[in-house]
Amino acid sequence: QRLLFSLLFIFFNASAYALDDPWMQIEKASQAARQLSYKGIFVYQNHQEVRSIEITHLNNGNEEFARIVSLDGPPRELLSRGDNVVVFNPNKENVFIQKRQGQNLFPAILPSNINIVKSSYNLRFGDHERIGGREAQIVYLDPRDEYLYPYKLWLDQEFGLLLKMMILDHHQKIIEQASFNQVALFASQDLNWFKPSIDTQKKYLMDDAPENITSNEKYCVISNLPTGYREVSHVTRMMGRQPQLVHQWIFSDGLSSVSLFVNPIPKGQKSRVGEMQVGSAHIFARVMNGNQITVVGEVPPITIQKISNSIQSVSAH
């Protein structure tokens, strides 16, 4: 009887804690996308682009493995092991291989450190809906200022896995969305699927991905970023058809990310000034002290401009 009362006490206290801290639901979703082994097909939509994508994800207790295959349009596969990501792009004759920096891909869009998101968004619960044959709890992440977009998430009630997500603008228009139409968990540790299913008779070619250049030079002074955004990456590399040295910073609020590019303008090359929109991405360009400054991201235009203006000084070349 004492054991029963003890178990009931633990259960009700845990339930009360979950109710007192609704962010536990987001924490659970973040862990589920990384710790569970699952396979499914989801539909991804960004602006006019709509694609069906198959994902297989396995966590063997030590590492994460994922294979993502585009089912529509030109064949394309992505294999990731931990933070190492390799993209396979076959064409008629060859298979181009490109290494990429790790990134948060659906359904693992939530950061492992939820406190980053908590500082910038308010959370509220919505209704329940069925997504891909599973019961889901709708959760809204409302930004605390105009520099972020709202998110609408559907979380699996049983396991917490993110089943559907929408990024909305400030007029509630859908900017980007992804949704499972089927998903299932599995327990096998077999990794035979962790390889690209492409023609082995073709020649494999590494894309001319620029190597990062290590530099201790303090090229820019950046301050007064939009609230919630932090620098997560800074590299210097050779880029462009006529390769030139480009500094790239990536800033993130834990969900969205923005890239800042700064490079000296070569003699005879026309500079770019102004703002434009390509699909769901906003671009803002300006010139400072002989340098081209370009900011790109799927965030509100005011955020792009503020990050551009956060450069207080830049070296002259």
Protein backbone atom coordinates (compact mmCIF):
# COMPACT_ATOMS: atom_id res chain seq x y z
CA GLN A 1 0.00 0.00 0.00
CA ARG A 2 2.88 2.36 0.82
CA LEU A 3 4.45 1.51 -2.56
CA LEU A 4 1.18 2.32 -4.33
CA PHE A 5 0.88 5.68 -2.57
CA SER A 6 4.53 6.42 -3.40
CA LEU A 7 4.00 5.65 -7.09
CA LEU A 8 0.84 7.76 -7.19
CA PHE A 9 2.68 10.61 -5.48
CA ILE A 10 5.49 10.47 -8.05
CA PHE A 11 3.03 10.26 -10.96
CA PHE A 12 0.87 13.21 -9.89
CA ASN A 13 3.90 15.32 -9.04
CA ALA A 14 5.42 14.59 -12.47
CA SER A 15 2.11 15.47 -14.14
CA ALA A 16 1.84 18.66 -12.12
CA TYR A 17 5.40 19.60 -13.07
CA ALA A 18 4.61 19.06 -16.76
CA LEU A 19 1.55 21.31 -16.39
CA ASP A 20 3.55 23.93 -14.49
CA ASP A 21 6.24 23.89 -17.16
CA PRO A 22 4.61 23.49 -20.60
CA TRP A 23 8.07 23.82 -22.18
CA MET A 24 8.59 20.20 -21.14
CA GLN A 25 6.55 19.34 -24.26
CA ILE A 26 9.04 21.18 -26.47
CA GLU A 27 11.95 19.54 -24.64
CA LYS A 28 10.37 16.14 -25.27
CA ALA A 29 9.92 16.92 -28.98
CA SER A 30 13.54 18.03 -29.30
CA GLN A 31 14.81 14.81 -27.72
CA ALA A 32 12.38 12.56 -29.63
CA ALA A 33 13.62 13.75 -33.05
CA ARG A 34 17.19 12.84 -32.08
CA GLN A 35 16.76 9.81 -29.81
CA LEU A 36 14.01 7.81 -31.54
CA SER A 37 14.49 5.55 -34.57
CA TYR A 38 11.81 6.21 -37.18
CA LYS A 39 11.01 6.08 -40.87
CA GLY A 40 8.44 8.11 -42.75
CA ILE A 41 7.49 10.29 -45.69
CA PHE A 42 6.75 13.98 -45.29
CA VAL A 43 5.71 16.74 -47.67
CA TYR A 44 7.79 19.91 -47.62
CA GLN A 45 6.51 23.21 -49.03
CA ASN A 46 8.45 26.46 -49.36
CA HIS A 47 6.86 29.21 -51.43
CA GLN A 48 5.96 27.48 -54.76
CA GLU A 49 8.22 24.47 -54.17
CA VAL A 50 6.51 21.26 -52.99
CA ARG A 51 8.42 18.01 -52.50
CA SER A 52 7.82 14.59 -50.98
CA ILE A 53 10.75 13.40 -48.89
CA GLU A 54 11.55 10.06 -47.29
CA ILE A 55 13.52 10.05 -44.04
CA THR A 56 15.06 7.14 -42.15
CA HIS A 57 16.57 8.00 -38.76
CA LEU A 58 18.33 5.68 -36.32
CA ASN A 59 19.89 6.29 -32.93
CA ASN A 60 21.93 3.32 -31.72
CA GLY A 61 22.67 4.86 -28.34
CA ASN A 62 26.03 6.23 -29.44
CA GLU A 63 25.40 8.02 -32.74
CA GLU A 64 22.64 9.34 -34.96
CA PHE A 65 22.29 8.20 -38.57
CA ALA A 66 19.86 9.64 -41.10
CA ARG A 67 19.15 9.20 -44.80
CA ILE A 68 16.92 11.74 -46.52
CA VAL A 69 15.74 11.08 -50.09
CA SER A 70 13.88 13.48 -52.34
CA LEU A 71 11.07 11.55 -54.02
CA ASP A 72 10.10 14.29 -56.49
CA GLY A 73 12.09 16.00 -59.21
CA PRO A 74 15.80 15.36 -59.77
CA PRO A 75 17.20 12.55 -57.58
CA ARG A 76 18.94 13.84 -54.48
CA GLU A 77 20.00 12.14 -51.26
CA LEU A 78 21.44 13.35 -48.00
CA LEU A 79 23.24 11.12 -45.50
CA SER A 80 24.19 12.36 -42.05
CA ARG A 81 26.16 10.77 -39.25
CA GLY A 82 26.26 12.97 -36.20
CA ASP A 83 27.24 16.44 -37.41
CA ASN A 84 28.72 15.13 -40.68
CA VAL A 85 26.41 15.70 -43.65
CA VAL A 86 27.02 14.52 -47.23
CA VAL A 87 24.74 15.36 -50.17
CA PHE A 88 24.61 13.18 -53.31
CA ASN A 89 23.39 14.90 -56.52
CA PRO A 90 23.36 12.52 -59.51
CA ASN A 91 23.03 13.77 -63.09
CA LYS A 92 23.10 11.89 -66.41
CA GLU A 93 26.79 11.09 -66.23
CA ASN A 94 28.18 11.67 -62.74
CA VAL A 95 27.31 11.83 -59.07
CA PHE A 96 28.37 15.04 -57.35
CA ILE A 97 29.16 14.78 -53.66
CA GLN A 98 29.07 17.78 -51.37
CA LYS A 99 29.91 18.02 -47.70
CA ARG A 100 27.86 20.39 -45.60
CA GLN A 101 27.84 21.81 -42.15
CA GLY A 102 25.32 20.14 -39.83
CA GLN A 103 21.92 21.78 -39.78
CA ASN A 104 18.55 21.27 -38.11
CA LEU A 105 16.38 19.33 -40.56
CA PHE A 106 12.73 18.34 -40.11
CA PRO A 107 11.63 16.86 -37.76
CA ALA A 108 14.72 17.88 -35.72
CA ILE A 109 14.16 21.62 -36.11
CA LEU A 110 14.13 22.29 -32.35
CA PRO A 111 17.51 22.92 -30.71
CA SER A 112 18.79 20.56 -28.02
CA ASN A 113 19.01 23.55 -25.66
CA ILE A 114 15.40 24.71 -25.36
CA ASN A 115 16.37 27.67 -23.17
CA ILE A 116 17.51 29.44 -26.35
CA VAL A 117 13.95 29.27 -27.69
CA LYS A 118 12.33 30.10 -24.34
CA SER A 119 14.12 33.44 -24.24
CA SER A 120 12.58 34.56 -27.55
CA TYR A 121 9.14 32.91 -27.79
CA ASN A 122 5.99 32.50 -25.73
CA LEU A 123 4.31 29.09 -25.78
CA ARG A 124 0.61 28.25 -25.85
CA PHE A 125 -1.36 25.07 -26.54
CA GLY A 126 -3.98 24.64 -29.24
CA ASP A 127 -6.35 21.83 -30.22
CA HIS A 128 -5.61 18.17 -30.99
CA GLU A 129 -5.45 16.85 -34.56
CA ARG A 130 -4.51 13.64 -36.35
CA ILE A 131 -1.37 13.87 -38.50
CA GLY A 132 -0.16 10.86 -40.46
CA GLY A 133 -2.59 8.64 -38.56
CA ARG A 134 -1.31 9.76 -35.14
CA GLU A 135 -2.84 11.99 -32.48
CA ALA A 136 -1.03 15.29 -32.14
CA GLN A 137 -1.06 18.24 -29.77
CA ILE A 138 -0.86 21.66 -31.45
CA VAL A 139 1.64 24.05 -29.89
CA TYR A 140 2.16 27.69 -30.87
CA LEU A 141 5.48 29.52 -30.46
CA ASP A 142 4.69 33.23 -30.54
CA PRO A 143 7.67 35.58 -30.95
CA ARG A 144 8.20 38.23 -28.32
CA ASP A 145 9.13 40.89 -30.88
CA GLU A 146 8.87 41.71 -34.58
CA TYR A 147 12.25 40.19 -35.46
CA LEU A 148 10.96 36.60 -35.42
CA TYR A 149 8.23 34.64 -37.20
CA PRO A 150 5.57 32.58 -35.37
CA TYR A 151 5.73 28.77 -35.43
CA LYS A 152 2.88 26.28 -35.28
CA LEU A 153 3.88 22.75 -34.26
CA TRP A 154 2.03 19.43 -34.11
CA LEU A 155 3.62 17.12 -31.50
CA ASP A 156 2.92 13.39 -31.30
CA GLN A 157 0.99 12.85 -28.06
CA GLU A 158 2.63 9.53 -27.28
CA PHE A 159 6.27 10.05 -28.19
CA GLY A 160 6.56 13.81 -28.62
CA LEU A 161 7.97 13.57 -32.17
CA LEU A 162 7.28 16.63 -34.32
CA LEU A 163 4.73 15.49 -36.94
CA LYS A 164 4.05 18.80 -38.65
CA MET A 165 5.32 22.36 -38.53
CA MET A 166 4.42 25.70 -40.08
CA ILE A 167 6.33 28.96 -40.17
CA LEU A 168 3.91 31.88 -40.50
CA ASP A 169 4.44 35.54 -41.26
CA HIS A 170 2.94 38.28 -39.09
CA HIS A 171 -0.26 38.12 -41.18
CA GLN A 172 -0.58 34.36 -40.52
CA LYS A 173 0.34 33.52 -44.10
CA ILE A 174 2.27 30.23 -44.44
CA ILE A 175 5.92 30.76 -45.37
CA GLU A 176 7.18 27.20 -44.98
CA GLN A 177 5.69 23.92 -43.82
CA ALA A 178 6.47 20.22 -43.50
CA SER A 179 4.13 17.40 -42.52
CA PHE A 180 4.40 13.62 -42.22
CA ASN A 181 1.76 11.71 -44.16
CA GLN A 182 3.14 8.48 -42.73
CA VAL A 183 5.68 7.71 -40.00
CA ALA A 184 6.54 4.65 -37.90
CA LEU A 185 9.06 3.79 -35.21
CA PHE A 186 11.39 0.80 -35.50
CA ALA A 187 13.77 -1.00 -33.14
CA SER A 188 16.23 -2.61 -35.56
CA GLN A 189 19.91 -1.62 -35.34
CA ASP A 190 20.51 -2.67 -38.96
CA LEU A 191 22.39 -0.02 -40.96
CA ASN A 192 22.19 -1.62 -44.42
CA TRP A 193 19.95 1.26 -45.53
CA PHE A 194 22.61 3.86 -44.67
CA LYS A 195 23.98 4.27 -48.19
CA PRO A 196 22.88 6.17 -51.29
CA SER A 197 20.80 4.17 -53.76
CA ILE A 198 22.43 5.59 -56.87
CA ASP A 199 24.09 4.08 -59.94
CA THR A 200 27.46 2.72 -58.85
CA GLN A 201 28.64 2.72 -62.49
CA LYS A 202 28.69 6.52 -62.51
CA LYS A 203 31.75 8.52 -61.56
CA TYR A 204 31.66 10.12 -58.11
CA LEU A 205 32.96 13.70 -58.12
CA MET A 206 33.49 15.96 -55.13
CA ASP A 207 31.91 19.37 -55.63
CA ASP A 208 34.46 22.14 -55.47
CA ALA A 209 33.34 23.03 -51.97
CA PRO A 210 35.59 25.82 -50.72
CA GLU A 211 37.84 24.99 -47.82
CA ASN A 212 37.54 27.19 -44.76
CA ILE A 213 40.49 29.45 -44.09
CA THR A 214 41.52 30.00 -40.50
CA SER A 215 42.22 33.63 -39.70
CA ASN A 216 42.71 35.54 -36.46
CA GLU A 217 41.99 38.82 -38.21
CA LYS A 218 39.15 40.80 -36.61
CA TYR A 219 37.57 41.75 -39.90
CA CYS A 220 34.31 43.21 -38.57
CA VAL A 221 32.95 44.68 -35.37
CA ILE A 222 29.40 43.33 -34.93
CA SER A 223 27.11 44.44 -32.11
CA ASN A 224 23.45 45.15 -31.33
CA LEU A 225 22.03 42.03 -33.00
CA PRO A 226 18.24 41.49 -32.87
CA THR A 227 17.12 40.12 -29.51
CA GLY A 228 17.55 36.35 -29.29
CA TYR A 229 20.04 36.01 -32.16
CA ARG A 230 23.50 34.63 -31.44
CA GLU A 231 26.53 33.94 -33.57
CA VAL A 232 26.76 30.19 -34.19
CA SER A 233 29.38 30.09 -36.94
CA HIS A 234 32.08 32.23 -38.60
CA VAL A 235 34.19 31.02 -41.51
CA THR A 236 36.38 32.62 -44.15
CA ARG A 237 36.51 30.96 -47.54
CA MET A 238 37.11 31.43 -51.25
CA MET A 239 33.78 31.73 -53.07
CA GLY A 240 32.32 32.75 -56.42
CA ARG A 241 32.93 31.98 -60.09
CA GLN A 242 36.02 34.14 -59.88
CA PRO A 243 37.03 33.03 -56.37
CA GLN A 244 37.46 35.78 -53.82
CA LEU A 245 37.84 35.84 -50.05
CA VAL A 246 34.45 35.97 -48.31
CA HIS A 247 33.71 36.15 -44.59
CA GLN A 248 30.49 34.40 -43.55
CA TRP A 249 28.70 34.56 -40.22
CA ILE A 250 25.60 32.56 -39.28
CA PHE A 251 23.29 33.90 -36.58
CA SER A 252 20.38 31.94 -35.08
CA ASP A 253 17.64 32.27 -32.49
CA GLY A 254 17.56 28.47 -32.12
CA LEU A 255 14.93 27.97 -34.84
CA SER A 256 15.66 30.31 -37.75
CA SER A 257 19.07 31.30 -39.07
CA VAL A 258 20.53 34.24 -41.02
CA SER A 259 23.73 34.35 -43.07
CA LEU A 260 25.90 37.47 -43.27
CA PHE A 261 28.50 37.71 -46.07
CA VAL A 262 31.23 40.37 -46.16
CA ASN A 263 33.84 40.62 -48.90
CA PRO A 264 36.05 43.34 -50.41
CA ILE A 265 34.69 44.52 -53.77
CA PRO A 266 37.20 43.73 -56.55
CA LYS A 267 38.20 46.53 -58.90
CA GLY A 268 35.82 46.78 -61.82
CA GLN A 269 33.07 44.76 -60.13
CA LYS A 270 29.73 46.47 -59.63
CA SER A 271 28.46 46.58 -56.05
CA ARG A 272 24.94 45.56 -55.03
CA VAL A 273 22.69 47.81 -52.97
CA GLY A 274 19.07 47.34 -51.91
CA GLU A 275 16.69 44.61 -50.81
CA MET A 276 14.81 41.87 -52.60
CA GLN A 277 12.89 38.67 -51.95
CA VAL A 278 13.65 35.29 -53.53
CA GLY A 279 10.99 32.74 -52.62
CA SER A 280 10.61 32.96 -48.85
CA ALA A 281 14.10 34.41 -48.31
CA HIS A 282 14.81 38.10 -47.86
CA ILE A 283 18.09 39.63 -49.06
CA PHE A 284 19.58 42.99 -48.08
CA ALA A 285 22.78 44.35 -49.63
CA ARG A 286 24.86 47.47 -48.95
CA VAL A 287 28.42 48.75 -49.23
CA MET A 288 30.68 49.79 -46.35
CA ASN A 289 34.30 50.93 -46.56
CA GLY A 290 34.86 49.22 -49.92
CA ASN A 291 33.20 45.95 -48.82
CA GLN A 292 30.05 44.25 -50.09
CA ILE A 293 27.74 43.35 -47.20
CA THR A 294 24.94 40.85 -47.96
CA VAL A 295 22.46 39.37 -45.48
CA VAL A 296 20.16 36.44 -46.39
CA GLY A 297 17.53 34.59 -44.37
CA GLU A 298 13.95 33.34 -44.14
CA VAL A 299 13.13 35.89 -41.45
CA PRO A 300 11.25 39.22 -41.40
CA PRO A 301 12.84 41.95 -43.58
CA ILE A 302 13.36 44.13 -40.49
CA THR A 303 15.60 41.39 -39.06
CA ILE A 304 17.74 41.27 -42.20
CA GLN A 305 18.22 45.04 -42.11
CA LYS A 306 19.04 45.12 -38.40
CA ILE A 307 21.69 42.39 -38.76
CA SER A 308 23.18 44.28 -41.69
CA ASN A 309 23.25 47.46 -39.61
CA SER A 310 24.81 45.59 -36.69
CA ILE A 311 28.18 45.89 -38.45
CA GLN A 312 29.76 48.86 -36.72
CA SER A 313 33.03 48.81 -38.68
CA VAL A 314 34.77 46.71 -41.32
CA SER A 315 38.38 46.58 -42.46
CA ALA A 316 39.29 48.40 -45.64
CA HIS A 317 40.91 46.46 -48.52
